[in-house]
Amino acid sequence: MADQNIDDHVLVKKAARECGINHVFTSVYNGVQLMNLLLKKEVYYTNRSENPDLIIMDFDLPLLDGLEALAQIREQTQLRNIPVYFFTRGEPRVDERHLIEMGATGLFIKPSSYRELQKIVTSICAMHLQSAKIQ
């Protein structure tokens, strides 16, 4: 998950666990960290060749915003097929149809209730995770 709001990381991770989703959850707080994680650079360097099973991110990421990160993800052959969901508060920067044309998998508005958050997390994970990890 890429989001500058630490509370959102905690809530999404908690919702995933409470919904019976037991996967690795990796948090990054800006677009540069996200790209370093995905490209296995700097502190994220690893010999592991695995990519995340999906990405959940906000539009408003510091240093490299969500739309710029999405463009970079889709330019990378090894990352091109990772599902990317935008998870944002309020009115999104672009409509969902245009976002999907840009390469996103979907868009969710951050709900005000925890129960709705659980439904969203369960829905995303049910669509994409079989027995791997969530990023």
C-alpha atoms as a PDB file:
ATOM      1  CA  MET A   1       0.000   0.000   0.000  1.00  0.00           C
ATOM      2  CA  ALA A   2       1.245   3.446  -0.925  1.00  0.00           C
ATOM      3  CA  ASP A   3      -0.374   6.253   1.046  1.00  0.00           C
ATOM      4  CA  GLN A   4       1.056   9.104   3.102  1.00  0.00           C
ATOM      5  CA  ASN A   5      -1.614   8.615   5.780  1.00  0.00           C
ATOM      6  CA  ILE A   6      -0.294   6.089   8.314  1.00  0.00           C
ATOM      7  CA  ASP A   7      -3.770   5.593   9.784  1.00  0.00           C
ATOM      8  CA  ASP A   8      -5.050   4.354   6.419  1.00  0.00           C
ATOM      9  CA  HIS A   9      -2.295   1.717   6.325  1.00  0.00           C
ATOM     10  CA  VAL A  10      -3.260   0.523   9.786  1.00  0.00           C
ATOM     11  CA  LEU A  11      -6.967   0.350   8.970  1.00  0.00           C
ATOM     12  CA  VAL A  12      -6.541  -1.454   5.632  1.00  0.00           C
ATOM     13  CA  LYS A  13      -4.146  -3.958   7.174  1.00  0.00           C
ATOM     14  CA  LYS A  14      -6.527  -4.550  10.087  1.00  0.00           C
ATOM     15  CA  ALA A  15      -9.495  -4.947   7.727  1.00  0.00           C
ATOM     16  CA  ALA A  16      -7.564  -7.480   5.651  1.00  0.00           C
ATOM     17  CA  ARG A  17      -6.668  -9.559   8.700  1.00  0.00           C
ATOM     18  CA  GLU A  18     -10.201  -9.431  10.131  1.00  0.00           C
ATOM     19  CA  CYS A  19     -11.577 -10.581   6.780  1.00  0.00           C
ATOM     20  CA  GLY A  20      -9.372 -13.675   6.965  1.00  0.00           C
ATOM     21  CA  ILE A  21      -6.807 -12.381   4.508  1.00  0.00           C
ATOM     22  CA  ASN A  22      -3.441 -13.453   5.854  1.00  0.00           C
ATOM     23  CA  HIS A  23      -0.863 -12.026   3.445  1.00  0.00           C
ATOM     24  CA  VAL A  24       2.266  -9.935   3.630  1.00  0.00           C
ATOM     25  CA  PHE A  25       1.332  -6.244   3.730  1.00  0.00           C
ATOM     26  CA  THR A  26       4.019  -3.746   2.779  1.00  0.00           C
ATOM     27  CA  SER A  27       3.599  -0.033   3.496  1.00  0.00           C
ATOM     28  CA  VAL A  28       5.294   2.846   1.701  1.00  0.00           C
ATOM     29  CA  TYR A  29       4.488   6.501   2.216  1.00  0.00           C
ATOM     30  CA  ASN A  30       5.441   8.234  -1.034  1.00  0.00           C
ATOM     31  CA  GLY A  31       5.733   7.487  -4.741  1.00  0.00           C
ATOM     32  CA  VAL A  32       9.525   7.257  -4.732  1.00  0.00           C
ATOM     33  CA  GLN A  33       9.440   4.595  -2.014  1.00  0.00           C
ATOM     34  CA  LEU A  34       6.809   2.723  -4.034  1.00  0.00           C
ATOM     35  CA  MET A  35       8.939   2.699  -7.169  1.00  0.00           C
ATOM     36  CA  ASN A  36      12.077   1.738  -5.210  1.00  0.00           C
ATOM     37  CA  LEU A  37      10.139  -1.142  -3.642  1.00  0.00           C
ATOM     38  CA  LEU A  38       8.787  -2.323  -6.995  1.00  0.00           C
ATOM     39  CA  LEU A  39      12.148  -1.981  -8.758  1.00  0.00           C
ATOM     40  CA  LYS A  40      14.004  -3.409  -5.735  1.00  0.00           C
ATOM     41  CA  LYS A  41      16.263  -0.372  -5.365  1.00  0.00           C
ATOM     42  CA  GLU A  42      18.039   1.218  -2.406  1.00  0.00           C
ATOM     43  CA  VAL A  43      16.754  -0.077   0.957  1.00  0.00           C
ATOM     44  CA  TYR A  44      14.342  -2.333  -0.937  1.00  0.00           C
ATOM     45  CA  TYR A  45      17.095  -4.150  -2.839  1.00  0.00           C
ATOM     46  CA  THR A  46      16.508  -7.875  -2.864  1.00  0.00           C
ATOM     47  CA  ASN A  47      17.435 -10.883  -4.950  1.00  0.00           C
ATOM     48  CA  ARG A  48      13.830 -12.066  -4.812  1.00  0.00           C
ATOM     49  CA  SER A  49      12.166 -11.900  -8.192  1.00  0.00           C
ATOM     50  CA  GLU A  50       8.597 -11.844  -6.870  1.00  0.00           C
ATOM     51  CA  ASN A  51       6.415  -8.845  -7.566  1.00  0.00           C
ATOM     52  CA  PRO A  52       3.504  -7.805  -5.397  1.00  0.00           C
ATOM     53  CA  ASP A  53       0.160  -9.380  -6.208  1.00  0.00           C
ATOM     54  CA  LEU A  54      -1.531  -5.988  -6.150  1.00  0.00           C
ATOM     55  CA  ILE A  55      -0.983  -2.347  -5.268  1.00  0.00           C
ATOM     56  CA  ILE A  56      -3.350  -0.051  -3.416  1.00  0.00           C
ATOM     57  CA  MET A  57      -2.379   3.617  -3.566  1.00  0.00           C
ATOM     58  CA  ASP A  58      -3.612   7.157  -3.141  1.00  0.00           C
ATOM     59  CA  PHE A  59      -3.407   9.892  -5.772  1.00  0.00           C
ATOM     60  CA  ASP A  60      -1.761  12.296  -3.331  1.00  0.00           C
ATOM     61  CA  LEU A  61       1.627  10.711  -2.741  1.00  0.00           C
ATOM     62  CA  PRO A  62       4.566  12.973  -1.880  1.00  0.00           C
ATOM     63  CA  LEU A  63       7.639  13.150  -4.156  1.00  0.00           C
ATOM     64  CA  LEU A  64       5.963  11.218  -6.999  1.00  0.00           C
ATOM     65  CA  ASP A  65       2.172  11.323  -7.139  1.00  0.00           C
ATOM     66  CA  GLY A  66      -0.043   8.314  -7.780  1.00  0.00           C
ATOM     67  CA  LEU A  67      -0.706   9.070 -11.449  1.00  0.00           C
ATOM     68  CA  GLU A  68       3.005   9.498 -12.167  1.00  0.00           C
ATOM     69  CA  ALA A  69       3.748   6.280 -10.285  1.00  0.00           C
ATOM     70  CA  LEU A  70       1.062   4.460 -12.285  1.00  0.00           C
ATOM     71  CA  ALA A  71       2.635   5.654 -15.543  1.00  0.00           C
ATOM     72  CA  GLN A  72       6.057   4.421 -14.418  1.00  0.00           C
ATOM     73  CA  ILE A  73       4.630   1.076 -13.285  1.00  0.00           C
ATOM     74  CA  ARG A  74       2.975   0.518 -16.670  1.00  0.00           C
ATOM     75  CA  GLU A  75       6.242   1.373 -18.478  1.00  0.00           C
ATOM     76  CA  GLN A  76       8.079  -1.469 -16.714  1.00  0.00           C
ATOM     77  CA  THR A  77       7.623  -4.848 -18.415  1.00  0.00           C
ATOM     78  CA  GLN A  78       8.065  -6.749 -15.146  1.00  0.00           C
ATOM     79  CA  LEU A  79       5.425  -4.612 -13.376  1.00  0.00           C
ATOM     80  CA  ARG A  80       2.932  -4.072 -16.182  1.00  0.00           C
ATOM     81  CA  ASN A  81       0.463  -6.777 -15.101  1.00  0.00           C
ATOM     82  CA  ILE A  82       0.227  -5.943 -11.392  1.00  0.00           C
ATOM     83  CA  PRO A  83      -3.306  -4.790 -10.520  1.00  0.00           C
ATOM     84  CA  VAL A  84      -3.257  -1.195  -9.257  1.00  0.00           C
ATOM     85  CA  TYR A  85      -6.177   0.202  -7.275  1.00  0.00           C
ATOM     86  CA  PHE A  86      -6.531   3.829  -6.327  1.00  0.00           C
ATOM     87  CA  PHE A  87      -7.961   4.427  -2.877  1.00  0.00           C
ATOM     88  CA  THR A  88      -8.686   8.083  -2.209  1.00  0.00           C
ATOM     89  CA  ARG A  89     -10.683  10.522  -0.105  1.00  0.00           C
ATOM     90  CA  GLY A  90     -13.182  12.855  -1.694  1.00  0.00           C
ATOM     91  CA  GLU A  91     -13.471  13.554  -5.372  1.00  0.00           C
ATOM     92  CA  PRO A  92     -10.853  11.689  -7.455  1.00  0.00           C
ATOM     93  CA  ARG A  93      -8.575  13.665  -9.772  1.00  0.00           C
ATOM     94  CA  VAL A  94      -9.754  11.749 -12.815  1.00  0.00           C
ATOM     95  CA  ASP A  95     -12.865   9.712 -13.514  1.00  0.00           C
ATOM     96  CA  GLU A  96     -12.626   5.949 -13.198  1.00  0.00           C
ATOM     97  CA  ARG A  97     -12.960   5.296 -16.946  1.00  0.00           C
ATOM     98  CA  HIS A  98      -9.989   7.550 -17.728  1.00  0.00           C
ATOM     99  CA  LEU A  99      -8.026   6.054 -14.840  1.00  0.00           C
ATOM    100  CA  ILE A 100      -8.564   2.558 -16.252  1.00  0.00           C
ATOM    101  CA  GLU A 101      -7.477   3.772 -19.697  1.00  0.00           C
ATOM    102  CA  MET A 102      -4.273   4.941 -17.993  1.00  0.00           C
ATOM    103  CA  GLY A 103      -3.691   1.425 -16.659  1.00  0.00           C
ATOM    104  CA  ALA A 104      -5.351   1.352 -13.246  1.00  0.00           C
ATOM    105  CA  THR A 105      -7.463  -1.637 -12.281  1.00  0.00           C
ATOM    106  CA  GLY A 106     -10.018   0.310 -10.281  1.00  0.00           C
ATOM    107  CA  LEU A 107     -10.885   3.184  -7.994  1.00  0.00           C
ATOM    108  CA  PHE A 108     -12.386   3.197  -4.504  1.00  0.00           C
ATOM    109  CA  ILE A 109     -13.363   6.182  -2.394  1.00  0.00           C
ATOM    110  CA  LYS A 110     -12.181   5.812   1.201  1.00  0.00           C
ATOM    111  CA  PRO A 111     -15.331   5.136   3.207  1.00  0.00           C
ATOM    112  CA  SER A 112     -16.314   6.802   6.452  1.00  0.00           C
ATOM    113  CA  SER A 113     -17.210   3.517   8.138  1.00  0.00           C
ATOM    114  CA  TYR A 114     -14.886   0.693   9.043  1.00  0.00           C
ATOM    115  CA  ARG A 115     -17.477  -1.895   7.929  1.00  0.00           C
ATOM    116  CA  GLU A 116     -17.471  -0.422   4.415  1.00  0.00           C
ATOM    117  CA  LEU A 117     -13.670  -0.466   4.423  1.00  0.00           C
ATOM    118  CA  GLN A 118     -13.766  -4.176   5.241  1.00  0.00           C
ATOM    119  CA  LYS A 119     -16.111  -4.768   2.294  1.00  0.00           C
ATOM    120  CA  ILE A 120     -13.799  -2.899  -0.077  1.00  0.00           C
ATOM    121  CA  VAL A 121     -10.663  -4.700   1.141  1.00  0.00           C
ATOM    122  CA  THR A 122     -12.412  -8.068   0.943  1.00  0.00           C
ATOM    123  CA  SER A 123     -13.624  -7.302  -2.579  1.00  0.00           C
ATOM    124  CA  ILE A 124     -10.178  -6.243  -3.831  1.00  0.00           C
ATOM    125  CA  CYS A 125      -8.453  -9.229  -2.280  1.00  0.00           C
ATOM    126  CA  ALA A 126     -11.066 -11.721  -3.457  1.00  0.00           C
ATOM    127  CA  MET A 127     -10.538 -10.528  -7.022  1.00  0.00           C
ATOM    128  CA  HIS A 128      -6.767 -10.827  -6.990  1.00  0.00           C
ATOM    129  CA  LEU A 129      -5.306 -12.864  -4.171  1.00  0.00           C
ATOM    130  CA  GLN A 130      -5.324 -16.607  -4.044  1.00  0.00           C
ATOM    131  CA  SER A 131      -2.499 -17.609  -1.717  1.00  0.00           C
ATOM    132  CA  ALA A 132       0.150 -14.924  -1.973  1.00  0.00           C
ATOM    133  CA  LYS A 133       0.755 -11.513  -0.445  1.00  0.00           C
ATOM    134  CA  ILE A 134      -0.790  -8.022  -0.517  1.00  0.00           C
ATOM    135  CA  GLN A 135       1.384  -4.985  -1.152  1.00  0.00           C
END
